[in-house]
Amino acid sequence: MVLQPKPCRDCVAEGITTMRPTPYAGPRCSTHHRQRRKAVSSRQHANRIQRTYQLSPEDYQRLYEAQGGCCAICRKATGKTKRLAVDHNHRAGCGHDPNVGCPSCIRGLLCATCNTIVVGRYDILALGRAISYIFDPPARKVLRNETP
């Protein structure tokens, strides 16, 4: 017995009569399955940033566009494959749980690497020392003075 493919419920609703391939058991073709997954993911992200940071999806988009559509630090990650994280100051002293944020705590949107490794791991003094180290490495002074 050979199973005949089922018509996609969204294709039927849109009036599409061709049978699109469905590589898995489900009521939707591959095209509509991807669209639905993307819509659900966007809705869940919007709900999470609203609940956690009191940031509306429109505000997130405005911040994203103000940063030029990329990570505020490395300027390489665009958030196309993995959304940029909302970076907030845990020590802002706004009177709420440090793991959540508010619009006055939010600093910007960062890629996962910049958010966890650069900003999350080092304090502001260490980052200042790193910048000084890059622009004025101690080896230049030491090795210049030791050479004859």
N, C-alpha and C. Protein backbone atom coordinates (compact mmCIF):
# COMPACT_ATOMS: atom_id res chain seq x y z
N MET A 1 0.85 -1.18 0.00
CA MET A 1 0.00 0.00 0.00
C MET A 1 0.90 1.24 0.00
N VAL A 2 0.67 2.14 -0.93
CA VAL A 2 1.43 3.36 -1.07
C VAL A 2 0.58 4.51 -0.54
N LEU A 3 1.17 5.27 0.37
CA LEU A 3 0.44 6.42 0.93
C LEU A 3 0.49 7.59 -0.03
N GLN A 4 -0.63 8.19 -0.26
CA GLN A 4 -0.70 9.37 -1.10
C GLN A 4 -0.43 10.61 -0.24
N PRO A 5 0.32 11.59 -0.76
CA PRO A 5 0.58 12.79 0.03
C PRO A 5 -0.70 13.57 0.30
N LYS A 6 -0.76 14.14 1.51
CA LYS A 6 -1.91 14.95 1.89
C LYS A 6 -1.72 16.37 1.36
N PRO A 7 -2.79 17.04 1.03
CA PRO A 7 -2.64 18.44 0.64
C PRO A 7 -2.33 19.29 1.87
N CYS A 8 -1.52 20.31 1.66
CA CYS A 8 -1.14 21.23 2.73
C CYS A 8 -2.36 22.06 3.13
N ARG A 9 -2.60 22.22 4.43
CA ARG A 9 -3.77 22.97 4.88
C ARG A 9 -3.68 24.44 4.48
N ASP A 10 -2.47 25.02 4.47
CA ASP A 10 -2.32 26.42 4.09
C ASP A 10 -2.43 26.59 2.58
N CYS A 11 -1.91 25.62 1.82
CA CYS A 11 -2.05 25.69 0.37
C CYS A 11 -3.53 25.64 -0.02
N VAL A 12 -4.29 24.77 0.62
CA VAL A 12 -5.72 24.66 0.34
C VAL A 12 -6.41 25.98 0.67
N ALA A 13 -6.06 26.58 1.81
CA ALA A 13 -6.67 27.85 2.21
C ALA A 13 -6.33 28.98 1.23
N GLU A 14 -5.13 28.92 0.63
CA GLU A 14 -4.71 29.95 -0.33
C GLU A 14 -5.15 29.63 -1.76
N GLY A 15 -5.73 28.46 -1.97
CA GLY A 15 -6.19 28.10 -3.30
C GLY A 15 -5.12 27.51 -4.19
N ILE A 16 -4.02 27.06 -3.61
CA ILE A 16 -2.94 26.44 -4.38
C ILE A 16 -3.30 24.96 -4.58
N THR A 17 -3.33 24.54 -5.83
CA THR A 17 -3.78 23.18 -6.12
C THR A 17 -2.65 22.19 -6.33
N THR A 18 -1.42 22.67 -6.54
CA THR A 18 -0.29 21.74 -6.73
C THR A 18 0.07 21.10 -5.40
N MET A 19 0.50 19.85 -5.48
CA MET A 19 0.90 19.13 -4.28
C MET A 19 2.37 19.39 -4.03
N ARG A 20 2.69 20.16 -3.02
CA ARG A 20 4.08 20.43 -2.67
C ARG A 20 4.61 19.30 -1.80
N PRO A 21 5.90 19.01 -1.91
CA PRO A 21 6.46 17.90 -1.11
C PRO A 21 6.47 18.23 0.39
N THR A 22 6.19 17.20 1.17
CA THR A 22 6.22 17.31 2.62
C THR A 22 7.17 16.24 3.13
N PRO A 23 8.40 16.62 3.51
CA PRO A 23 9.39 15.61 3.90
C PRO A 23 9.19 15.06 5.31
N TYR A 24 8.10 15.40 5.97
CA TYR A 24 7.83 14.97 7.34
C TYR A 24 6.33 14.85 7.50
N ALA A 25 5.92 14.18 8.53
CA ALA A 25 4.48 14.06 8.78
C ALA A 25 3.97 15.37 9.36
N GLY A 26 3.03 15.96 8.71
CA GLY A 26 2.48 17.21 9.21
C GLY A 26 1.45 17.76 8.27
N PRO A 27 0.70 18.75 8.71
CA PRO A 27 -0.38 19.26 7.87
C PRO A 27 0.08 20.32 6.86
N ARG A 28 1.39 20.66 6.85
CA ARG A 28 1.86 21.74 5.98
C ARG A 28 2.99 21.27 5.07
N CYS A 29 3.06 21.92 3.90
CA CYS A 29 4.18 21.67 2.99
C CYS A 29 5.43 22.34 3.56
N SER A 30 6.56 22.07 2.94
CA SER A 30 7.83 22.62 3.43
C SER A 30 7.82 24.15 3.47
N THR A 31 7.27 24.77 2.45
CA THR A 31 7.25 26.23 2.37
C THR A 31 6.44 26.82 3.51
N HIS A 32 5.24 26.32 3.71
CA HIS A 32 4.39 26.86 4.78
C HIS A 32 4.91 26.47 6.16
N HIS A 33 5.55 25.32 6.26
CA HIS A 33 6.13 24.91 7.54
C HIS A 33 7.23 25.89 7.96
N ARG A 34 8.10 26.27 7.01
CA ARG A 34 9.17 27.25 7.31
C ARG A 34 8.58 28.60 7.69
N GLN A 35 7.56 29.04 6.96
CA GLN A 35 6.92 30.32 7.27
C GLN A 35 6.32 30.31 8.67
N ARG A 36 5.66 29.23 9.02
CA ARG A 36 5.03 29.13 10.34
C ARG A 36 6.08 29.10 11.44
N ARG A 37 7.15 28.31 11.23
CA ARG A 37 8.22 28.24 12.23
C ARG A 37 8.85 29.61 12.46
N LYS A 38 9.07 30.37 11.38
CA LYS A 38 9.65 31.70 11.50
C LYS A 38 8.71 32.65 12.24
N ALA A 39 7.43 32.57 11.95
CA ALA A 39 6.44 33.43 12.62
C ALA A 39 6.36 33.11 14.11
N VAL A 40 6.37 31.82 14.45
CA VAL A 40 6.31 31.43 15.86
C VAL A 40 7.57 31.89 16.58
N SER A 41 8.72 31.72 15.95
CA SER A 41 9.99 32.15 16.56
C SER A 41 10.01 33.65 16.79
N SER A 42 9.54 34.43 15.83
CA SER A 42 9.50 35.89 15.97
C SER A 42 8.56 36.29 17.10
N ARG A 43 7.41 35.64 17.18
CA ARG A 43 6.45 35.95 18.25
C ARG A 43 7.03 35.61 19.62
N GLN A 44 7.69 34.47 19.75
CA GLN A 44 8.29 34.08 21.03
C GLN A 44 9.40 35.05 21.42
N HIS A 45 10.22 35.49 20.46
CA HIS A 45 11.29 36.45 20.75
C HIS A 45 10.69 37.77 21.22
N ALA A 46 9.65 38.23 20.53
CA ALA A 46 8.99 39.48 20.91
C ALA A 46 8.41 39.39 22.32
N ASN A 47 7.79 38.29 22.65
CA ASN A 47 7.23 38.11 23.99
C ASN A 47 8.33 38.08 25.05
N ARG A 48 9.45 37.42 24.74
CA ARG A 48 10.54 37.31 25.72
C ARG A 48 11.20 38.66 25.99
N ILE A 49 11.47 39.44 24.93
CA ILE A 49 12.10 40.73 25.18
C ILE A 49 11.14 41.70 25.85
N GLN A 50 9.85 41.56 25.58
CA GLN A 50 8.85 42.40 26.26
C GLN A 50 8.80 42.05 27.74
N ARG A 51 8.76 40.75 28.05
CA ARG A 51 8.66 40.28 29.42
C ARG A 51 9.95 40.55 30.21
N THR A 52 11.10 40.33 29.59
CA THR A 52 12.37 40.42 30.30
C THR A 52 12.92 41.83 30.37
N TYR A 53 12.78 42.60 29.30
CA TYR A 53 13.41 43.92 29.24
C TYR A 53 12.43 45.08 29.09
N GLN A 54 11.12 44.77 29.05
CA GLN A 54 10.09 45.78 28.83
C GLN A 54 10.37 46.55 27.53
N LEU A 55 10.80 45.82 26.52
CA LEU A 55 11.18 46.39 25.24
C LEU A 55 10.24 45.83 24.17
N SER A 56 9.52 46.72 23.51
CA SER A 56 8.58 46.27 22.48
C SER A 56 9.35 45.85 21.24
N PRO A 57 8.75 45.03 20.39
CA PRO A 57 9.42 44.64 19.14
C PRO A 57 9.75 45.85 18.27
N GLU A 58 8.92 46.87 18.31
CA GLU A 58 9.19 48.08 17.53
C GLU A 58 10.42 48.80 18.07
N ASP A 59 10.56 48.86 19.41
CA ASP A 59 11.74 49.49 20.01
C ASP A 59 13.00 48.69 19.70
N TYR A 60 12.90 47.35 19.73
CA TYR A 60 14.03 46.50 19.37
C TYR A 60 14.46 46.80 17.94
N GLN A 61 13.49 46.92 17.03
CA GLN A 61 13.79 47.19 15.63
C GLN A 61 14.40 48.58 15.46
N ARG A 62 13.90 49.58 16.19
CA ARG A 62 14.46 50.93 16.11
C ARG A 62 15.90 50.94 16.61
N LEU A 63 16.17 50.22 17.68
CA LEU A 63 17.53 50.12 18.21
C LEU A 63 18.44 49.41 17.22
N TYR A 64 17.95 48.34 16.61
CA TYR A 64 18.70 47.59 15.60
C TYR A 64 19.07 48.49 14.43
N GLU A 65 18.11 49.27 13.95
CA GLU A 65 18.37 50.16 12.82
C GLU A 65 19.31 51.30 13.21
N ALA A 66 19.19 51.81 14.44
CA ALA A 66 20.07 52.89 14.90
C ALA A 66 21.52 52.43 14.98
N GLN A 67 21.73 51.14 15.23
CA GLN A 67 23.08 50.58 15.28
C GLN A 67 23.59 50.19 13.90
N GLY A 68 22.86 50.47 12.87
CA GLY A 68 23.27 50.12 11.52
C GLY A 68 23.01 48.68 11.16
N GLY A 69 22.15 47.99 11.91
CA GLY A 69 21.81 46.61 11.60
C GLY A 69 22.90 45.62 11.93
N CYS A 70 23.71 45.93 12.95
CA CYS A 70 24.78 45.00 13.34
C CYS A 70 25.10 45.17 14.82
N CYS A 71 25.97 44.31 15.32
CA CYS A 71 26.42 44.34 16.72
C CYS A 71 27.08 45.69 17.00
N ALA A 72 26.78 46.26 18.15
CA ALA A 72 27.32 47.58 18.48
C ALA A 72 28.82 47.57 18.73
N ILE A 73 29.41 46.41 19.03
CA ILE A 73 30.85 46.35 19.33
C ILE A 73 31.65 45.86 18.13
N CYS A 74 31.41 44.65 17.67
CA CYS A 74 32.25 44.09 16.60
C CYS A 74 31.84 44.59 15.21
N ARG A 75 30.62 45.00 15.05
CA ARG A 75 30.07 45.51 13.78
C ARG A 75 30.10 44.45 12.68
N LYS A 76 30.27 43.17 13.04
CA LYS A 76 30.30 42.09 12.06
C LYS A 76 29.00 41.31 12.06
N ALA A 77 28.52 40.93 13.22
CA ALA A 77 27.29 40.15 13.31
C ALA A 77 26.09 41.03 12.98
N THR A 78 25.22 40.49 12.12
CA THR A 78 24.06 41.27 11.69
C THR A 78 22.76 40.81 12.32
N GLY A 79 22.78 39.67 12.97
CA GLY A 79 21.55 39.16 13.56
C GLY A 79 20.67 38.44 12.57
N LYS A 80 21.17 38.15 11.38
CA LYS A 80 20.35 37.46 10.38
C LYS A 80 20.20 35.98 10.70
N THR A 81 21.26 35.32 11.16
CA THR A 81 21.16 33.90 11.48
C THR A 81 20.83 33.69 12.96
N LYS A 82 21.33 34.53 13.82
CA LYS A 82 21.02 34.46 15.25
C LYS A 82 20.79 35.89 15.72
N ARG A 83 19.64 36.13 16.32
CA ARG A 83 19.28 37.49 16.72
C ARG A 83 20.30 38.07 17.68
N LEU A 84 20.44 39.38 17.61
CA LEU A 84 21.34 40.07 18.53
C LEU A 84 20.70 40.12 19.91
N ALA A 85 21.53 39.96 20.93
CA ALA A 85 21.07 39.95 22.32
C ALA A 85 20.89 41.37 22.83
N VAL A 86 19.93 41.55 23.72
CA VAL A 86 19.73 42.84 24.36
C VAL A 86 20.73 42.91 25.52
N ASP A 87 21.68 43.83 25.42
CA ASP A 87 22.67 44.01 26.48
C ASP A 87 22.13 45.05 27.46
N HIS A 88 22.20 44.71 28.76
CA HIS A 88 21.76 45.66 29.78
C HIS A 88 22.73 45.65 30.94
N ASN A 89 22.74 46.73 31.67
CA ASN A 89 23.64 46.89 32.80
C ASN A 89 23.03 46.21 34.02
N HIS A 90 23.69 45.16 34.51
CA HIS A 90 23.19 44.43 35.67
C HIS A 90 23.32 45.24 36.96
N ARG A 91 24.19 46.22 36.95
CA ARG A 91 24.43 47.01 38.16
C ARG A 91 23.89 48.43 38.05
N ALA A 92 22.85 48.62 37.29
CA ALA A 92 22.32 49.97 37.08
C ALA A 92 21.65 50.53 38.32
N GLY A 93 21.21 49.66 39.21
CA GLY A 93 20.59 50.13 40.45
C GLY A 93 19.19 50.68 40.26
N CYS A 94 18.45 50.09 39.35
CA CYS A 94 17.08 50.57 39.10
C CYS A 94 16.08 49.98 40.08
N GLY A 95 16.51 49.09 40.95
CA GLY A 95 15.63 48.53 41.96
C GLY A 95 14.90 47.27 41.53
N HIS A 96 15.32 46.63 40.47
CA HIS A 96 14.70 45.37 40.06
C HIS A 96 15.74 44.27 40.03
N ASP A 97 15.30 43.06 39.79
CA ASP A 97 16.18 41.90 39.71
C ASP A 97 17.27 42.17 38.65
N PRO A 98 18.56 41.93 38.97
CA PRO A 98 19.63 42.22 38.01
C PRO A 98 19.57 41.38 36.74
N ASN A 99 18.83 40.27 36.75
CA ASN A 99 18.74 39.43 35.55
C ASN A 99 17.69 39.90 34.57
N VAL A 100 16.89 40.86 34.96
CA VAL A 100 15.94 41.47 34.03
C VAL A 100 16.38 42.89 33.79
N GLY A 101 15.77 43.53 32.85
CA GLY A 101 16.17 44.89 32.53
C GLY A 101 14.98 45.80 32.38
N CYS A 102 15.27 47.04 32.19
CA CYS A 102 14.25 48.03 31.91
C CYS A 102 14.85 48.97 30.86
N PRO A 103 14.05 49.81 30.24
CA PRO A 103 14.60 50.69 29.20
C PRO A 103 15.77 51.56 29.67
N SER A 104 15.85 51.89 30.94
CA SER A 104 16.98 52.71 31.39
C SER A 104 18.24 51.88 31.61
N CYS A 105 18.12 50.56 31.70
CA CYS A 105 19.28 49.67 31.87
C CYS A 105 19.88 49.22 30.53
N ILE A 106 19.09 49.24 29.48
CA ILE A 106 19.51 48.70 28.19
C ILE A 106 20.59 49.58 27.58
N ARG A 107 21.68 48.91 27.13
CA ARG A 107 22.79 49.62 26.49
C ARG A 107 22.76 49.50 24.98
N GLY A 108 22.35 48.35 24.46
CA GLY A 108 22.34 48.15 23.02
C GLY A 108 22.13 46.69 22.68
N LEU A 109 22.35 46.36 21.42
CA LEU A 109 22.21 45.00 20.92
C LEU A 109 23.59 44.47 20.54
N LEU A 110 23.91 43.30 21.07
CA LEU A 110 25.23 42.70 20.83
C LEU A 110 25.09 41.27 20.34
N CYS A 111 26.10 40.81 19.61
CA CYS A 111 26.15 39.40 19.23
C CYS A 111 26.49 38.59 20.49
N ALA A 112 26.32 37.29 20.42
CA ALA A 112 26.55 36.44 21.58
C ALA A 112 27.99 36.52 22.06
N THR A 113 28.95 36.58 21.15
CA THR A 113 30.36 36.64 21.54
C THR A 113 30.67 37.92 22.29
N CYS A 114 30.27 39.05 21.75
CA CYS A 114 30.55 40.33 22.41
C CYS A 114 29.80 40.43 23.74
N ASN A 115 28.58 39.91 23.79
CA ASN A 115 27.78 40.01 25.00
C ASN A 115 28.33 39.15 26.12
N THR A 116 28.76 37.93 25.82
CA THR A 116 29.21 37.03 26.88
C THR A 116 30.70 37.11 27.15
N ILE A 117 31.51 37.28 26.13
CA ILE A 117 32.96 37.25 26.33
C ILE A 117 33.53 38.63 26.57
N VAL A 118 33.18 39.60 25.76
CA VAL A 118 33.78 40.93 25.90
C VAL A 118 33.16 41.69 27.06
N VAL A 119 31.87 41.92 27.01
CA VAL A 119 31.20 42.75 28.02
C VAL A 119 30.90 41.95 29.28
N GLY A 120 30.47 40.71 29.12
CA GLY A 120 30.05 39.92 30.27
C GLY A 120 31.19 39.43 31.15
N ARG A 121 32.35 39.21 30.59
CA ARG A 121 33.44 38.64 31.36
C ARG A 121 34.30 39.70 32.03
N TYR A 122 34.50 40.83 31.40
CA TYR A 122 35.43 41.83 31.91
C TYR A 122 34.71 43.08 32.39
N ASP A 123 35.25 43.67 33.45
CA ASP A 123 34.67 44.93 33.92
C ASP A 123 35.24 46.09 33.11
N ILE A 124 34.73 47.27 33.35
CA ILE A 124 35.10 48.43 32.54
C ILE A 124 36.59 48.78 32.68
N LEU A 125 37.17 48.57 33.84
CA LEU A 125 38.59 48.87 34.02
C LEU A 125 39.45 47.90 33.20
N ALA A 126 39.07 46.63 33.18
CA ALA A 126 39.83 45.65 32.40
C ALA A 126 39.73 45.97 30.91
N LEU A 127 38.57 46.39 30.46
CA LEU A 127 38.43 46.75 29.05
C LEU A 127 39.28 47.98 28.72
N GLY A 128 39.35 48.94 29.64
CA GLY A 128 40.21 50.11 29.44
C GLY A 128 41.68 49.72 29.36
N ARG A 129 42.10 48.79 30.23
CA ARG A 129 43.48 48.30 30.17
C ARG A 129 43.77 47.58 28.87
N ALA A 130 42.78 46.83 28.37
CA ALA A 130 42.96 46.12 27.10
C ALA A 130 43.16 47.11 25.96
N ILE A 131 42.40 48.18 25.95
CA ILE A 131 42.55 49.19 24.91
C ILE A 131 43.92 49.86 25.01
N SER A 132 44.34 50.21 26.22
CA SER A 132 45.67 50.80 26.41
C SER A 132 46.77 49.84 25.96
N TYR A 133 46.60 48.57 26.28
CA TYR A 133 47.57 47.54 25.90
C TYR A 133 47.71 47.46 24.38
N ILE A 134 46.60 47.51 23.67
CA ILE A 134 46.64 47.41 22.21
C ILE A 134 47.34 48.63 21.61
N PHE A 135 47.02 49.83 22.09
CA PHE A 135 47.58 51.04 21.51
C PHE A 135 49.00 51.35 21.99
N ASP A 136 49.34 50.90 23.18
CA ASP A 136 50.67 51.18 23.73
C ASP A 136 51.19 49.93 24.44
N PRO A 137 51.62 48.92 23.68
CA PRO A 137 52.07 47.67 24.31
C PRO A 137 53.33 47.88 25.14
N PRO A 138 53.43 47.26 26.30
CA PRO A 138 54.60 47.43 27.16
C PRO A 138 55.90 46.95 26.52
N ALA A 139 55.82 46.00 25.60
CA ALA A 139 57.03 45.48 24.97
C ALA A 139 57.76 46.55 24.17
N ARG A 140 57.03 47.49 23.60
CA ARG A 140 57.69 48.56 22.85
C ARG A 140 58.64 49.35 23.73
N LYS A 141 58.18 49.73 24.91
CA LYS A 141 59.00 50.52 25.84
C LYS A 141 60.18 49.69 26.35
N VAL A 142 59.89 48.48 26.79
CA VAL A 142 60.92 47.64 27.39
C VAL A 142 61.99 47.27 26.38
N LEU A 143 61.59 46.81 25.23
CA LEU A 143 62.56 46.35 24.24
C LEU A 143 63.33 47.49 23.59
N ARG A 144 62.75 48.65 23.48
CA ARG A 144 63.48 49.81 22.95
C ARG A 144 64.58 50.25 23.91
N ASN A 145 64.31 50.18 25.18
CA ASN A 145 65.28 50.60 26.19
C ASN A 145 66.40 49.59 26.37
N GLU A 146 66.13 48.31 26.06
CA GLU A 146 67.16 47.29 26.24
C GLU A 146 68.10 47.17 25.04
N THR A 147 67.69 47.63 23.89
CA THR A 147 68.54 47.49 22.71
C THR A 147 69.70 48.48 22.78
N PRO A 148 70.91 48.08 22.29
CA PRO A 148 72.08 48.96 22.38
C PRO A 148 72.01 50.17 21.49
